[in-house]
Protein backbone atom coordinates (compact mmCIF):
# COMPACT_ATOMS: atom_id res chain seq x y z
CA MET A 1 20.99 -17.30 7.49
CA ALA A 2 17.30 -17.43 8.38
CA SER A 3 15.35 -20.62 8.90
CA LEU A 4 11.73 -20.01 7.89
CA PRO A 5 8.97 -22.41 8.99
CA VAL A 6 7.33 -24.35 6.17
CA TYR A 7 3.66 -25.32 6.57
CA ASP A 8 1.33 -27.59 4.67
CA SER A 9 -2.15 -26.60 3.50
CA ALA A 10 -3.59 -27.68 6.87
CA GLY A 11 -1.37 -25.24 8.75
CA LYS A 12 0.99 -27.85 10.23
CA GLU A 13 4.73 -27.23 10.22
CA VAL A 14 6.47 -29.75 7.97
CA GLY A 15 10.00 -28.38 7.66
CA LYS A 16 12.29 -25.39 7.34
CA TYR A 17 13.29 -23.15 4.44
CA GLU A 18 16.87 -21.90 4.64
CA ILE A 19 17.40 -18.45 3.18
CA SER A 20 19.60 -15.47 3.89
CA PRO A 21 18.22 -11.91 3.63
CA GLU A 22 21.31 -11.17 1.53
CA ASP A 23 19.98 -13.61 -1.08
CA ILE A 24 17.17 -11.14 -1.70
CA SER A 25 18.95 -7.83 -1.07
CA ALA A 26 22.54 -7.23 0.00
CA THR A 27 21.66 -4.03 1.88
CA ILE A 28 18.58 -2.34 3.33
CA ASN A 29 18.38 1.40 2.68
CA LYS A 30 15.71 2.85 4.98
CA GLN A 31 15.67 6.18 3.16
CA LEU A 32 15.00 4.50 -0.17
CA LEU A 33 12.22 2.41 1.40
CA HIS A 34 10.66 5.57 2.81
CA ASP A 35 10.87 7.39 -0.53
CA VAL A 36 9.26 4.53 -2.44
CA VAL A 37 6.46 4.04 0.11
CA VAL A 38 5.67 7.77 -0.02
CA MET A 39 5.59 7.54 -3.83
CA TYR A 40 2.99 4.76 -3.72
CA GLN A 41 0.91 6.61 -1.12
CA ALA A 42 1.05 9.82 -3.14
CA SER A 43 -0.01 7.96 -6.28
CA ALA A 44 -3.04 6.60 -4.41
CA ARG A 45 -4.27 10.06 -3.40
CA GLN A 46 -7.51 11.08 -5.06
CA GLY A 47 -6.56 14.74 -5.46
CA THR A 48 -10.12 15.98 -6.13
CA HIS A 49 -10.11 18.63 -3.40
CA LYS A 50 -11.59 21.98 -4.48
CA THR A 51 -12.45 25.20 -2.63
CA LYS A 52 -13.83 28.46 -4.00
CA SER A 53 -11.81 31.62 -4.38
CA ARG A 54 -13.16 35.15 -3.94
CA SER A 55 -14.15 35.25 -7.59
CA GLU A 56 -16.18 32.03 -7.35
CA VAL A 57 -18.32 32.50 -4.22
CA ALA A 58 -21.81 33.96 -4.52
CA GLY A 59 -22.30 37.54 -3.42
CA SER A 60 -21.97 41.13 -4.53
CA GLY A 61 -18.68 42.89 -5.06
CA LYS A 62 -20.19 46.15 -3.91
CA LYS A 63 -18.58 47.95 -0.97
CA MET A 64 -20.48 46.97 2.17
CA TYR A 65 -20.66 50.49 3.62
CA ARG A 66 -18.97 53.84 3.17
CA GLN A 67 -15.29 54.18 3.91
CA LYS A 68 -15.51 56.67 6.77
CA GLY A 69 -17.94 57.82 9.41
CA THR A 70 -19.45 54.54 10.60
CA GLY A 71 -16.92 53.75 13.33
CA ASN A 72 -16.35 50.31 11.81
CA ALA A 73 -13.16 49.09 10.25
CA ARG A 74 -13.00 49.80 6.55
CA ALA A 75 -14.42 46.97 4.46
CA GLY A 76 -14.81 46.18 0.78
CA SER A 77 -16.53 43.17 -0.75
CA ARG A 78 -18.51 40.74 1.40
CA ARG A 79 -16.73 37.99 -0.58
CA SER A 80 -13.44 38.83 1.14
CA ASN A 81 -11.57 35.88 2.60
CA ILE A 82 -11.72 37.34 6.13
CA ARG A 83 -15.53 37.20 6.21
CA ARG A 84 -17.80 34.27 6.94
CA GLY A 85 -18.97 32.82 3.64
CA GLY A 86 -16.21 34.57 1.74
CA GLY A 87 -13.83 32.96 -0.70
CA HIS A 88 -10.48 31.39 0.16
CA ALA A 89 -7.41 33.55 -0.27
CA PHE A 90 -5.46 30.56 -1.61
CA ALA A 91 -8.18 28.28 -2.94
CA ARG A 92 -7.30 24.61 -3.34
CA ARG A 93 -7.45 23.16 -6.81
CA PRO A 94 -7.68 19.54 -8.03
CA ARG A 95 -4.24 18.12 -8.74
CA ASP A 96 -2.44 14.90 -9.50
CA TYR A 97 -0.09 13.92 -6.66
CA SER A 98 1.47 10.96 -8.44
CA TYR A 99 5.11 10.84 -9.42
CA ARG A 100 7.60 8.11 -10.22
CA LEU A 101 11.03 7.19 -9.00
CA PRO A 102 13.56 5.36 -11.19
CA ARG A 103 12.59 1.79 -12.02
CA LYS A 104 15.79 0.35 -10.54
CA ALA A 105 15.18 2.16 -7.25
CA VAL A 106 11.60 0.87 -7.00
CA ARG A 107 12.66 -2.72 -7.70
CA ALA A 108 15.51 -2.49 -5.22
CA ALA A 109 13.13 -1.15 -2.55
CA THR A 110 10.78 -4.11 -3.05
CA ARG A 111 13.62 -6.57 -2.48
CA MET A 112 14.82 -4.57 0.54
CA ALA A 113 11.33 -4.73 2.05
CA ILE A 114 11.21 -8.52 1.62
CA ALA A 115 14.72 -8.92 3.03
CA GLY A 116 13.73 -6.80 6.02
CA LYS A 117 10.70 -9.01 6.67
CA ILE A 118 12.89 -12.12 6.54
CA ARG A 119 15.44 -10.54 8.88
CA ASP A 120 12.69 -9.60 11.36
CA GLU A 121 11.24 -13.14 11.27
CA GLN A 122 7.93 -11.97 9.82
CA VAL A 123 7.89 -14.41 6.91
CA ALA A 124 6.44 -17.93 6.73
CA VAL A 125 6.36 -20.42 3.86
CA ILE A 126 3.60 -22.72 2.68
CA ASP A 127 4.74 -25.80 0.79
CA LYS A 128 1.96 -25.63 -1.78
CA LEU A 129 -1.18 -23.54 -2.18
CA ALA A 130 -3.43 -24.78 -4.96
CA MET A 131 -7.22 -24.52 -4.98
CA GLU A 132 -9.62 -25.58 -7.71
CA THR A 133 -12.63 -23.75 -6.28
CA PRO A 134 -12.83 -20.80 -3.85
CA LYS A 135 -13.37 -21.82 -0.24
CA THR A 136 -12.80 -19.27 2.51
CA SER A 137 -12.91 -21.85 5.31
CA GLU A 138 -9.81 -23.59 3.94
CA ILE A 139 -7.72 -20.40 3.94
CA ALA A 140 -9.07 -19.40 7.37
CA GLY A 141 -8.25 -22.83 8.82
CA MET A 142 -4.78 -22.77 7.30
CA LEU A 143 -4.01 -19.33 8.77
CA LYS A 144 -5.36 -20.40 12.15
CA GLY A 145 -3.09 -23.44 12.17
CA MET A 146 -0.11 -21.22 11.38
CA GLY A 147 -0.96 -18.81 14.18
CA LEU A 148 -1.65 -16.00 11.71
CA CYS A 149 -5.33 -15.67 12.52
CA GLY A 150 -6.14 -12.12 13.60
CA SER A 151 -2.96 -10.55 12.19
CA THR A 152 -2.66 -8.72 8.90
CA THR A 153 -1.16 -11.10 6.36
CA LEU A 154 -0.04 -10.89 2.75
CA ILE A 155 -0.15 -14.17 0.83
CA ALA A 156 2.38 -14.08 -2.01
CA THR A 157 1.80 -16.69 -4.71
CA ALA A 158 3.99 -17.72 -7.64
CA GLU A 159 1.28 -16.85 -10.15
CA VAL A 160 -2.18 -15.34 -10.30
CA SER A 161 -4.73 -17.63 -8.65
CA SER A 162 -8.34 -16.56 -8.86
CA ALA A 163 -9.49 -19.29 -6.46
CA VAL A 164 -6.99 -18.31 -3.75
CA HIS A 165 -7.80 -14.64 -4.17
CA LYS A 166 -11.55 -15.20 -3.89
CA SER A 167 -11.06 -17.49 -0.88
CA ALA A 168 -9.02 -14.91 1.05
CA ARG A 169 -10.68 -11.63 0.11
CA ASN A 170 -13.48 -12.08 2.65
CA ILE A 171 -11.01 -12.47 5.55
CA GLN A 172 -10.25 -9.20 7.29
CA GLY A 173 -6.62 -8.14 7.07
CA VAL A 174 -5.64 -10.80 4.51
CA SER A 175 -4.60 -9.97 0.95
CA VAL A 176 -3.30 -12.07 -1.94
CA MET A 177 -0.81 -10.97 -4.59
CA PRO A 178 1.39 -12.75 -7.14
CA VAL A 179 5.09 -12.31 -6.48
CA CYS A 180 5.59 -10.42 -9.76
CA ASP A 181 3.23 -7.67 -8.53
CA LEU A 182 4.79 -7.15 -5.09
CA ASN A 183 5.90 -3.68 -4.13
CA ALA A 184 7.52 -2.15 -1.07
CA LEU A 185 4.28 -0.71 0.33
CA GLU A 186 2.32 -3.96 0.04
CA VAL A 187 5.16 -5.93 1.66
CA LEU A 188 5.70 -3.54 4.58
CA LYS A 189 2.02 -2.87 5.31
CA PRO A 190 0.99 -6.27 6.80
CA LYS A 191 2.50 -7.75 9.94
CA LYS A 192 3.25 -11.11 8.31
CA VAL A 193 4.02 -12.29 4.77
CA LEU A 194 3.20 -15.85 3.72
CA PHE A 195 5.09 -17.01 0.62
CA THR A 196 4.49 -20.17 -1.31
CA ARG A 197 7.69 -22.16 -1.71
CA GLU A 198 7.60 -21.62 -5.47
CA ALA A 199 7.22 -17.84 -5.05
CA LEU A 200 10.18 -17.65 -2.69
CA ASP A 201 12.25 -19.75 -5.10
CA GLN A 202 11.44 -17.24 -7.84
CA LEU A 203 12.67 -14.37 -5.67
CA LYS A 204 15.90 -16.20 -4.86
CA ASN A 205 16.44 -16.85 -8.56
CA GLY A 206 16.08 -13.16 -9.33
CA VAL A 207 12.59 -12.77 -10.78
CA PRO A 208 12.02 -8.99 -10.57
CA PRO A 209 8.75 -7.74 -9.08
CA LYS A 210 6.84 -5.15 -11.07
CA ALA A 211 8.42 -1.71 -10.70
CA GLN A 212 5.66 0.70 -11.61
CA PRO A 213 3.04 1.92 -9.06
CA GLU A 214 -0.54 0.84 -9.55
CA ALA A 215 -3.44 3.28 -9.61
CA ALA A 216 -4.76 1.81 -6.35
CA THR A 217 -2.65 -0.27 -4.00
CA SER A 218 -5.43 -2.26 -2.43
CA GLY A 219 -3.59 -5.58 -2.31
CA GLU A 220 -5.97 -7.22 -4.80
CA GLU A 221 -4.93 -9.01 -7.93
CA ALA A 222 -4.88 -7.05 -11.14
C-alpha cells in the first residue's frame, strides 16, 4: 500500500491518498512496457528520409576510360556508388514506421506504467485543480510549493481543461493530459506525475485510458 501526498492548489500538503499499485495493475511486465514504448516512438518517426540511387544522380553513364592500358583500376560509370558524388548502392526510401500492438496490450502497458510510478514514489496528488482563466504563475507557484519545480512533470486531469493546459504549456518540462488520453510513453517520460484526486479515482474505478497511438506524442491535449 502506497501513501501518496495530497496537495492543495497552493502547493501545501493537506493529507494522504492511500492506494496500492495492484489497484491499477496486478503485475508489471517490463518487456510489454518496452514494446509499447517502442511502438509509440516508431509511430512518431517522420520517415521522410530519401537518398538517390545510381539511376537518380546526375552524370553520364559512359565508361570513364578504356578498360586496359591506363594502369588504373577498371572503372565504368562515374555514377557508381564507390565514387564521390555517385549514387547509393542501397538508397533509402520514404517509409511509414508506424505499427500497432493489440489494444488490450497497450491498455495494460499504460496501467503498468502508472503502477510503476506509484511503486517508485514518483506520483503526487492534488486535491482539486480548476481554473477559469489561464494563469501560468498559479501553476508555477503550485509546482514550486510541491517541490516539483525544475523536474519534468506530467499533470493528469480528470477531463480536458483548456485553462490548465494553457497555464502549464509555457513551463519547461511540464505537460498536461486528461487521464483518458494517457499512454505508457507519456507516463514513463517525465520524472514525476501529478494526478488530480478525481483522475486517480477514475483509474482506481477502472476507466480505461485510450489505447491507440497518436500521430505525435507531444504531451499536449488533443
